[in-house]
Protein backbone atom coordinates (compact mmCIF):
# COMPACT_ATOMS: atom_id res chain seq x y z
CA UNK A 1 0.00 0.00 0.00
CA UNK A 2 1.32 3.43 -0.96
CA UNK A 3 1.13 6.18 1.68
CA UNK A 4 0.99 9.86 0.72
CA UNK A 5 1.26 12.66 3.29
CA UNK A 6 -0.20 16.15 3.02
CA UNK A 7 2.05 19.16 3.61
CA UNK A 8 0.34 19.78 6.98
CA UNK A 9 0.92 16.18 8.10
CA UNK A 10 4.63 16.33 7.25
CA UNK A 11 4.99 19.66 9.05
CA UNK A 12 3.31 18.27 12.18
CA UNK A 13 5.56 15.19 12.19
CA UNK A 14 8.67 17.35 11.75
CA UNK A 15 7.75 19.31 14.88
CA UNK A 16 7.43 16.24 17.09
CA UNK A 17 10.14 14.52 19.10
CA UNK A 18 11.65 11.33 17.68
CA UNK A 19 9.62 8.99 19.90
CA UNK A 20 6.25 10.50 18.97
CA UNK A 21 7.16 10.74 15.28
CA UNK A 22 8.12 7.06 15.18
CA UNK A 23 5.00 6.08 17.11
CA UNK A 24 2.68 7.87 14.65
CA UNK A 25 4.48 6.56 11.55
CA UNK A 26 4.46 3.01 12.93
CA UNK A 27 0.69 3.25 13.60
CA UNK A 28 0.07 4.55 10.06
CA UNK A 29 2.12 1.72 8.53
CA UNK A 30 0.05 -0.86 10.46
CA UNK A 31 -3.29 0.36 9.09
CA UNK A 32 -6.03 -0.97 9.03
CA UNK A 33 -5.09 -2.25 12.49
CA UNK A 34 -5.48 0.18 15.37
CA UNK A 35 -8.19 2.43 16.74
CA UNK A 36 -9.80 3.42 13.42
CA UNK A 37 -13.25 5.02 13.19
CA UNK A 38 -15.13 6.27 10.12
CA UNK A 39 -15.83 9.99 10.39
CA UNK A 40 -19.44 11.13 10.45
CA UNK A 41 -20.80 13.65 7.93
CA UNK A 42 -17.43 13.91 6.14
CA UNK A 43 -15.37 11.58 4.03
CA UNK A 44 -12.49 9.75 5.68
CA UNK A 45 -11.34 7.93 8.77
CA UNK A 46 -9.67 8.74 12.08
CA UNK A 47 -6.75 6.88 13.65
CA UNK A 48 -6.02 7.52 17.32
CA UNK A 49 -2.38 7.43 18.43
CA UNK A 50 -2.17 8.61 22.05
CA UNK A 51 -3.20 12.30 22.09
CA UNK A 52 -2.68 12.61 18.34
CA UNK A 53 -5.31 12.02 15.69
CA UNK A 54 -4.59 11.08 12.09
CA UNK A 55 -7.29 11.94 9.55
CA UNK A 56 -6.92 9.82 6.42
CA UNK A 57 -8.77 8.47 3.42
CA UNK A 58 -8.03 5.58 1.14
CA UNK A 59 -8.49 5.24 -2.57
CA UNK A 60 -7.71 1.73 -3.77
CA UNK A 61 -4.10 1.01 -2.84
CA UNK A 62 -3.28 4.62 -1.94
CA UNK A 63 -3.61 5.85 1.64
CA UNK A 64 -3.72 9.66 1.83
CA UNK A 65 -2.86 11.17 5.23
CA UNK A 66 -4.81 14.44 5.21
CA UNK A 67 -4.14 15.83 8.66
CA UNK A 68 -2.26 14.97 11.86
CA UNK A 69 -2.77 17.07 14.97
CA UNK A 70 -3.61 16.91 18.64
CA UNK A 71 -6.99 15.77 19.84
CA UNK A 72 -8.43 19.25 20.34
CA UNK A 73 -7.21 20.77 17.07
CA UNK A 74 -7.62 18.10 14.41
CA UNK A 75 -11.40 18.42 14.00
CA UNK A 76 -11.48 22.21 13.65
CA UNK A 77 -12.26 23.35 10.12
CA UNK A 78 -9.92 25.59 8.15
CA UNK A 79 -11.05 29.15 7.56
PDB file of N, CA and C in Angstrom:
ATOM      1  N   UNK A   1       0.842  -1.180   0.000  1.00  0.00           N
ATOM      2  CA  UNK A   1       0.000   0.000   0.000  1.00  0.00           C
ATOM      3  C   UNK A   1       0.890   1.248   0.000  1.00  0.00           C
ATOM      4  N   UNK A   2       0.576   2.177  -0.869  1.00  0.00           N
ATOM      5  CA  UNK A   2       1.323   3.432  -0.957  1.00  0.00           C
ATOM      6  C   UNK A   2       0.721   4.440   0.018  1.00  0.00           C
ATOM      7  N   UNK A   3       1.578   5.173   0.722  1.00  0.00           N
ATOM      8  CA  UNK A   3       1.133   6.178   1.684  1.00  0.00           C
ATOM      9  C   UNK A   3       1.609   7.542   1.217  1.00  0.00           C
ATOM     10  N   UNK A   4       0.659   8.485   1.093  1.00  0.00           N
ATOM     11  CA  UNK A   4       0.987   9.859   0.721  1.00  0.00           C
ATOM     12  C   UNK A   4       0.595  10.778   1.865  1.00  0.00           C
ATOM     13  N   UNK A   5       1.480  11.719   2.186  1.00  0.00           N
ATOM     14  CA  UNK A   5       1.260  12.656   3.290  1.00  0.00           C
ATOM     15  C   UNK A   5       0.978  14.048   2.751  1.00  0.00           C
ATOM     16  N   UNK A   6       0.043  14.757   3.377  1.00  0.00           N
ATOM     17  CA  UNK A   6      -0.196  16.151   3.025  1.00  0.00           C
ATOM     18  C   UNK A   6       0.939  17.005   3.592  1.00  0.00           C
ATOM     19  N   UNK A   7       1.029  18.231   3.133  1.00  0.00           N
ATOM     20  CA  UNK A   7       2.050  19.161   3.614  1.00  0.00           C
ATOM     21  C   UNK A   7       1.877  19.407   5.124  1.00  0.00           C
ATOM     22  N   UNK A   8       0.622  19.550   5.557  1.00  0.00           N
ATOM     23  CA  UNK A   8       0.337  19.778   6.984  1.00  0.00           C
ATOM     24  C   UNK A   8       0.787  18.595   7.824  1.00  0.00           C
ATOM     25  N   UNK A   9       0.540  17.376   7.349  1.00  0.00           N
ATOM     26  CA  UNK A   9       0.919  16.178   8.100  1.00  0.00           C
ATOM     27  C   UNK A   9       2.438  16.086   8.256  1.00  0.00           C
ATOM     28  N   UNK A  10       3.167  16.361   7.182  1.00  0.00           N
ATOM     29  CA  UNK A  10       4.631  16.326   7.248  1.00  0.00           C
ATOM     30  C   UNK A  10       5.171  17.396   8.191  1.00  0.00           C
ATOM     31  N   UNK A  11       4.557  18.570   8.176  1.00  0.00           N
ATOM     32  CA  UNK A  11       4.986  19.664   9.052  1.00  0.00           C
ATOM     33  C   UNK A  11       4.748  19.295  10.514  1.00  0.00           C
ATOM     34  N   UNK A  12       3.597  18.673  10.810  1.00  0.00           N
ATOM     35  CA  UNK A  12       3.309  18.266  12.181  1.00  0.00           C
ATOM     36  C   UNK A  12       4.327  17.228  12.650  1.00  0.00           C
ATOM     37  N   UNK A  13       4.609  16.231  11.813  1.00  0.00           N
ATOM     38  CA  UNK A  13       5.565  15.193  12.193  1.00  0.00           C
ATOM     39  C   UNK A  13       6.962  15.769  12.418  1.00  0.00           C
ATOM     40  N   UNK A  14       7.349  16.742  11.609  1.00  0.00           N
ATOM     41  CA  UNK A  14       8.669  17.353  11.748  1.00  0.00           C
ATOM     42  C   UNK A  14       8.811  18.091  13.082  1.00  0.00           C
ATOM     43  N   UNK A  15       7.706  18.570  13.628  1.00  0.00           N
ATOM     44  CA  UNK A  15       7.748  19.313  14.877  1.00  0.00           C
ATOM     45  C   UNK A  15       7.690  18.448  16.118  1.00  0.00           C
ATOM     46  N   UNK A  16       7.531  17.150  15.950  1.00  0.00           N
ATOM     47  CA  UNK A  16       7.427  16.241  17.088  1.00  0.00           C
ATOM     48  C   UNK A  16       8.794  15.680  17.460  1.00  0.00           C
ATOM     49  N   UNK A  17       8.896  15.182  18.710  1.00  0.00           N
ATOM     50  CA  UNK A  17      10.137  14.522  19.099  1.00  0.00           C
ATOM     51  C   UNK A  17      10.226  13.158  18.401  1.00  0.00           C
ATOM     52  N   UNK A  18      11.388  12.565  18.424  1.00  0.00           N
ATOM     53  CA  UNK A  18      11.647  11.334  17.676  1.00  0.00           C
ATOM     54  C   UNK A  18      10.709  10.217  18.108  1.00  0.00           C
ATOM     55  N   UNK A  19      10.473  10.065  19.402  1.00  0.00           N
ATOM     56  CA  UNK A  19       9.617   8.994  19.903  1.00  0.00           C
ATOM     57  C   UNK A  19       8.201   9.118  19.363  1.00  0.00           C
ATOM     58  N   UNK A  20       7.629  10.307  19.431  1.00  0.00           N
ATOM     59  CA  UNK A  20       6.248  10.498  18.970  1.00  0.00           C
ATOM     60  C   UNK A  20       6.163  10.346  17.451  1.00  0.00           C
ATOM     61  N   UNK A  21       7.143  10.862  16.730  1.00  0.00           N
ATOM     62  CA  UNK A  21       7.157  10.742  15.282  1.00  0.00           C
ATOM     63  C   UNK A  21       7.171   9.271  14.868  1.00  0.00           C
ATOM     64  N   UNK A  22       8.040   8.481  15.494  1.00  0.00           N
ATOM     65  CA  UNK A  22       8.119   7.057  15.178  1.00  0.00           C
ATOM     66  C   UNK A  22       6.833   6.327  15.552  1.00  0.00           C
ATOM     67  N   UNK A  23       6.234   6.710  16.660  1.00  0.00           N
ATOM     68  CA  UNK A  23       5.000   6.082  17.112  1.00  0.00           C
ATOM     69  C   UNK A  23       3.859   6.310  16.115  1.00  0.00           C
ATOM     70  N   UNK A  24       3.731   7.539  15.617  1.00  0.00           N
ATOM     71  CA  UNK A  24       2.677   7.869  14.655  1.00  0.00           C
ATOM     72  C   UNK A  24       2.932   7.163  13.331  1.00  0.00           C
ATOM     73  N   UNK A  25       4.150   7.206  12.839  1.00  0.00           N
ATOM     74  CA  UNK A  25       4.477   6.564  11.554  1.00  0.00           C
ATOM     75  C   UNK A  25       4.259   5.058  11.640  1.00  0.00           C
ATOM     76  N   UNK A  26       4.663   4.454  12.749  1.00  0.00           N
ATOM     77  CA  UNK A  26       4.462   3.015  12.927  1.00  0.00           C
ATOM     78  C   UNK A  26       2.971   2.666  12.915  1.00  0.00           C
ATOM     79  N   UNK A  27       2.142   3.485  13.565  1.00  0.00           N
ATOM     80  CA  UNK A  27       0.694   3.248  13.596  1.00  0.00           C
ATOM     81  C   UNK A  27       0.091   3.385  12.196  1.00  0.00           C
ATOM     82  N   UNK A  28       0.569   4.364  11.426  1.00  0.00           N
ATOM     83  CA  UNK A  28       0.072   4.554  10.056  1.00  0.00           C
ATOM     84  C   UNK A  28       0.452   3.356   9.187  1.00  0.00           C
ATOM     85  N   UNK A  29       1.662   2.847   9.333  1.00  0.00           N
ATOM     86  CA  UNK A  29       2.117   1.719   8.526  1.00  0.00           C
ATOM     87  C   UNK A  29       1.353   0.439   8.851  1.00  0.00           C
ATOM     88  N   UNK A  30       0.790   0.345  10.049  1.00  0.00           N
ATOM     89  CA  UNK A  30       0.050  -0.858  10.457  1.00  0.00           C
ATOM     90  C   UNK A  30      -1.433  -0.806  10.094  1.00  0.00           C
ATOM     91  N   UNK A  31      -1.876   0.272   9.458  1.00  0.00           N
ATOM     92  CA  UNK A  31      -3.288   0.356   9.089  1.00  0.00           C
ATOM     93  C   UNK A  31      -3.666  -0.826   8.220  1.00  0.00           C
ATOM     94  N   UNK A  32      -4.815  -1.406   8.352  1.00  0.00           N
ATOM     95  CA  UNK A  32      -6.032  -0.971   9.027  1.00  0.00           C
ATOM     96  C   UNK A  32      -6.127  -1.371  10.490  1.00  0.00           C
ATOM     97  N   UNK A  33      -5.072  -1.934  11.073  1.00  0.00           N
ATOM     98  CA  UNK A  33      -5.088  -2.246  12.493  1.00  0.00           C
ATOM     99  C   UNK A  33      -5.013  -0.961  13.295  1.00  0.00           C
ATOM    100  N   UNK A  34      -5.522  -0.994  14.505  1.00  0.00           N
ATOM    101  CA  UNK A  34      -5.478   0.176  15.371  1.00  0.00           C
ATOM    102  C   UNK A  34      -6.869   0.700  15.643  1.00  0.00           C
ATOM    103  N   UNK A  35      -6.924   1.803  16.357  1.00  0.00           N
ATOM    104  CA  UNK A  35      -8.191   2.429  16.741  1.00  0.00           C
ATOM    105  C   UNK A  35      -8.667   3.312  15.588  1.00  0.00           C
ATOM    106  N   UNK A  36      -9.348   2.721  14.612  1.00  0.00           N
ATOM    107  CA  UNK A  36      -9.805   3.423  13.417  1.00  0.00           C
ATOM    108  C   UNK A  36     -11.322   3.545  13.453  1.00  0.00           C
ATOM    109  N   UNK A  37     -11.809   4.759  13.198  1.00  0.00           N
ATOM    110  CA  UNK A  37     -13.250   5.023  13.185  1.00  0.00           C
ATOM    111  C   UNK A  37     -13.571   5.831  11.934  1.00  0.00           C
ATOM    112  N   UNK A  38     -14.669   5.485  11.274  1.00  0.00           N
ATOM    113  CA  UNK A  38     -15.126   6.267  10.123  1.00  0.00           C
ATOM    114  C   UNK A  38     -15.696   7.582  10.635  1.00  0.00           C
ATOM    115  N   UNK A  39     -15.333   8.677   9.990  1.00  0.00           N
ATOM    116  CA  UNK A  39     -15.830   9.990  10.391  1.00  0.00           C
ATOM    117  C   UNK A  39     -17.282  10.159   9.959  1.00  0.00           C
ATOM    118  N   UNK A  40     -18.049  10.883  10.771  1.00  0.00           N
ATOM    119  CA  UNK A  40     -19.442  11.132  10.451  1.00  0.00           C
ATOM    120  C   UNK A  40     -19.577  12.439   9.690  1.00  0.00           C
ATOM    121  N   UNK A  41     -20.459  12.464   8.706  1.00  0.00           N
ATOM    122  CA  UNK A  41     -20.801  13.654   7.927  1.00  0.00           C
ATOM    123  C   UNK A  41     -19.673  14.184   7.048  1.00  0.00           C
ATOM    124  N   UNK A  42     -18.527  13.547   7.040  1.00  0.00           N
ATOM    125  CA  UNK A  42     -17.431  13.910   6.143  1.00  0.00           C
ATOM    126  C   UNK A  42     -16.783  12.628   5.653  1.00  0.00           C
ATOM    127  N   UNK A  43     -16.036  12.745   4.587  1.00  0.00           N
ATOM    128  CA  UNK A  43     -15.370  11.584   4.032  1.00  0.00           C
ATOM    129  C   UNK A  43     -14.060  11.331   4.775  1.00  0.00           C
ATOM    130  N   UNK A  44     -13.766  10.089   5.084  1.00  0.00           N
ATOM    131  CA  UNK A  44     -12.492   9.746   5.682  1.00  0.00           C
ATOM    132  C   UNK A  44     -12.614   8.965   6.966  1.00  0.00           C
ATOM    133  N   UNK A  45     -11.451   8.728   7.563  1.00  0.00           N
ATOM    134  CA  UNK A  45     -11.344   7.928   8.774  1.00  0.00           C
ATOM    135  C   UNK A  45     -10.428   8.632   9.758  1.00  0.00           C
ATOM    136  N   UNK A  46     -10.505   8.190  11.016  1.00  0.00           N
ATOM    137  CA  UNK A  46      -9.668   8.745  12.077  1.00  0.00           C
ATOM    138  C   UNK A  46      -8.895   7.616  12.737  1.00  0.00           C
ATOM    139  N   UNK A  47      -7.605   7.813  12.926  1.00  0.00           N
ATOM    140  CA  UNK A  47      -6.749   6.884  13.652  1.00  0.00           C
ATOM    141  C   UNK A  47      -6.286   7.583  14.912  1.00  0.00           C
ATOM    142  N   UNK A  48      -6.462   6.936  16.048  1.00  0.00           N
ATOM    143  CA  UNK A  48      -6.024   7.518  17.321  1.00  0.00           C
ATOM    144  C   UNK A  48      -4.674   6.934  17.692  1.00  0.00           C
ATOM    145  N   UNK A  49      -3.716   7.826  17.990  1.00  0.00           N
ATOM    146  CA  UNK A  49      -2.383   7.435  18.433  1.00  0.00           C
ATOM    147  C   UNK A  49      -2.052   8.295  19.646  1.00  0.00           C
ATOM    148  N   UNK A  50      -2.374   7.819  20.840  1.00  0.00           N
ATOM    149  CA  UNK A  50      -2.174   8.611  22.046  1.00  0.00           C
ATOM    150  C   UNK A  50      -3.044   9.852  21.994  1.00  0.00           C
ATOM    151  N   UNK A  51      -2.455  11.039  22.171  1.00  0.00           N
ATOM    152  CA  UNK A  51      -3.198  12.298  22.094  1.00  0.00           C
ATOM    153  C   UNK A  51      -3.275  12.849  20.678  1.00  0.00           C
ATOM    154  N   UNK A  52      -2.645  12.176  19.730  1.00  0.00           N
ATOM    155  CA  UNK A  52      -2.682  12.613  18.336  1.00  0.00           C
ATOM    156  C   UNK A  52      -3.802  11.914  17.589  1.00  0.00           C
ATOM    157  N   UNK A  53      -4.307  12.597  16.575  1.00  0.00           N
ATOM    158  CA  UNK A  53      -5.307  12.023  15.689  1.00  0.00           C
ATOM    159  C   UNK A  53      -4.816  12.161  14.253  1.00  0.00           C
ATOM    160  N   UNK A  54      -4.992  11.098  13.489  1.00  0.00           N
ATOM    161  CA  UNK A  54      -4.593  11.081  12.090  1.00  0.00           C
ATOM    162  C   UNK A  54      -5.863  10.958  11.266  1.00  0.00           C
ATOM    163  N   UNK A  55      -6.140  11.960  10.436  1.00  0.00           N
ATOM    164  CA  UNK A  55      -7.295  11.937   9.547  1.00  0.00           C
ATOM    165  C   UNK A  55      -6.790  11.454   8.191  1.00  0.00           C
ATOM    166  N   UNK A  56      -7.390  10.381   7.678  1.00  0.00           N
ATOM    167  CA  UNK A  56      -6.920   9.823   6.418  1.00  0.00           C
ATOM    168  C   UNK A  56      -8.087   9.306   5.592  1.00  0.00           C
ATOM    169  N   UNK A  57      -7.800   9.065   4.334  1.00  0.00           N
ATOM    170  CA  UNK A  57      -8.768   8.473   3.422  1.00  0.00           C
ATOM    171  C   UNK A  57      -8.002   7.508   2.537  1.00  0.00           C
ATOM    172  N   UNK A  58      -8.697   6.532   2.006  1.00  0.00           N
ATOM    173  CA  UNK A  58      -8.028   5.578   1.142  1.00  0.00           C
ATOM    174  C   UNK A  58      -8.754   5.499  -0.191  1.00  0.00           C
ATOM    175  N   UNK A  59      -7.962   5.331  -1.217  1.00  0.00           N
ATOM    176  CA  UNK A  59      -8.490   5.235  -2.572  1.00  0.00           C
ATOM    177  C   UNK A  59      -7.765   4.081  -3.245  1.00  0.00           C
ATOM    178  N   UNK A  60      -8.366   2.920  -3.211  1.00  0.00           N
ATOM    179  CA  UNK A  60      -7.713   1.735  -3.767  1.00  0.00           C
ATOM    180  C   UNK A  60      -6.512   1.353  -2.934  1.00  0.00           C
ATOM    181  N   UNK A  61      -5.327   1.385  -3.544  1.00  0.00           N
ATOM    182  CA  UNK A  61      -4.101   1.007  -2.839  1.00  0.00           C
ATOM    183  C   UNK A  61      -3.327   2.214  -2.322  1.00  0.00           C
ATOM    184  N   UNK A  62      -3.943   3.394  -2.397  1.00  0.00           N
ATOM    185  CA  UNK A  62      -3.277   4.622  -1.937  1.00  0.00           C
ATOM    186  C   UNK A  62      -3.954   5.104  -0.652  1.00  0.00           C
ATOM    187  N   UNK A  63      -3.138   5.325   0.369  1.00  0.00           N
ATOM    188  CA  UNK A  63      -3.609   5.850   1.644  1.00  0.00           C
ATOM    189  C   UNK A  63      -3.136   7.296   1.741  1.00  0.00           C
ATOM    190  N   UNK A  64      -4.076   8.245   1.794  1.00  0.00           N
ATOM    191  CA  UNK A  64      -3.718   9.661   1.827  1.00  0.00           C
ATOM    192  C   UNK A  64      -3.914  10.202   3.237  1.00  0.00           C
ATOM    193  N   UNK A  65      -2.825  10.599   3.884  1.00  0.00           N
ATOM    194  CA  UNK A  65      -2.863  11.167   5.229  1.00  0.00           C
ATOM    195  C   UNK A  65      -3.155  12.650   5.067  1.00  0.00           C
ATOM    196  N   UNK A  66      -4.377  13.061   5.413  1.00  0.00           N
ATOM    197  CA  UNK A  66      -4.809  14.442   5.207  1.00  0.00           C
ATOM    198  C   UNK A  66      -4.341  15.380   6.303  1.00  0.00           C
ATOM    199  N   UNK A  67      -4.442  14.928   7.560  1.00  0.00           N
ATOM    200  CA  UNK A  67      -4.136  15.828   8.660  1.00  0.00           C
ATOM    201  C   UNK A  67      -3.695  15.026   9.873  1.00  0.00           C
ATOM    202  N   UNK A  68      -2.694  15.524  10.579  1.00  0.00           N
ATOM    203  CA  UNK A  68      -2.261  14.969  11.864  1.00  0.00           C
ATOM    204  C   UNK A  68      -2.181  16.134  12.824  1.00  0.00           C
ATOM    205  N   UNK A  69      -2.808  16.000  13.970  1.00  0.00           N
ATOM    206  CA  UNK A  69      -2.767  17.070  14.967  1.00  0.00           C
ATOM    207  C   UNK A  69      -3.190  16.500  16.313  1.00  0.00           C
ATOM    208  N   UNK A  70      -3.191  17.344  17.315  1.00  0.00           N
ATOM    209  CA  UNK A  70      -3.614  16.910  18.641  1.00  0.00           C
ATOM    210  C   UNK A  70      -5.124  16.755  18.681  1.00  0.00           C
ATOM    211  N   UNK A  71      -5.585  16.111  19.701  1.00  0.00           N
ATOM    212  CA  UNK A  71      -6.991  15.766  19.837  1.00  0.00           C
ATOM    213  C   UNK A  71      -7.909  16.970  19.732  1.00  0.00           C
ATOM    214  N   UNK A  72      -7.563  18.083  20.327  1.00  0.00           N
ATOM    215  CA  UNK A  72      -8.428  19.251  20.343  1.00  0.00           C
ATOM    216  C   UNK A  72      -8.404  20.078  19.068  1.00  0.00           C
ATOM    217  N   UNK A  73      -7.386  19.916  18.246  1.00  0.00           N
ATOM    218  CA  UNK A  73      -7.215  20.770  17.071  1.00  0.00           C
ATOM    219  C   UNK A  73      -7.576  20.091  15.751  1.00  0.00           C
ATOM    220  N   UNK A  74      -7.512  18.791  15.692  1.00  0.00           N
ATOM    221  CA  UNK A  74      -7.623  18.098  14.410  1.00  0.00           C
ATOM    222  C   UNK A  74      -9.002  18.229  13.767  1.00  0.00           C
ATOM    223  N   UNK A  75     -10.042  18.380  14.559  1.00  0.00           N
ATOM    224  CA  UNK A  75     -11.398  18.416  14.000  1.00  0.00           C
ATOM    225  C   UNK A  75     -11.869  19.818  13.638  1.00  0.00           C
ATOM    226  N   UNK A  76     -11.087  20.842  13.987  1.00  0.00           N
ATOM    227  CA  UNK A  76     -11.480  22.207  13.651  1.00  0.00           C
ATOM    228  C   UNK A  76     -11.319  22.430  12.156  1.00  0.00           C
ATOM    229  N   UNK A  77     -12.288  23.088  11.573  1.00  0.00           N
ATOM    230  CA  UNK A  77     -12.256  23.349  10.123  1.00  0.00           C
ATOM    231  C   UNK A  77     -11.333  24.511   9.821  1.00  0.00           C
ATOM    232  N   UNK A  78     -10.761  24.475   8.603  1.00  0.00           N
ATOM    233  CA  UNK A  78      -9.924  25.593   8.155  1.00  0.00           C
ATOM    234  C   UNK A  78     -10.802  26.751   7.761  1.00  0.00           C
ATOM    235  N   UNK A  79     -10.297  27.947   7.924  1.00  0.00           N
ATOM    236  CA  UNK A  79     -11.048  29.146   7.561  1.00  0.00           C
ATOM    237  C   UNK A  79     -10.500  29.770   6.332  1.00  0.00           C
TER     238      UNK A  79
END
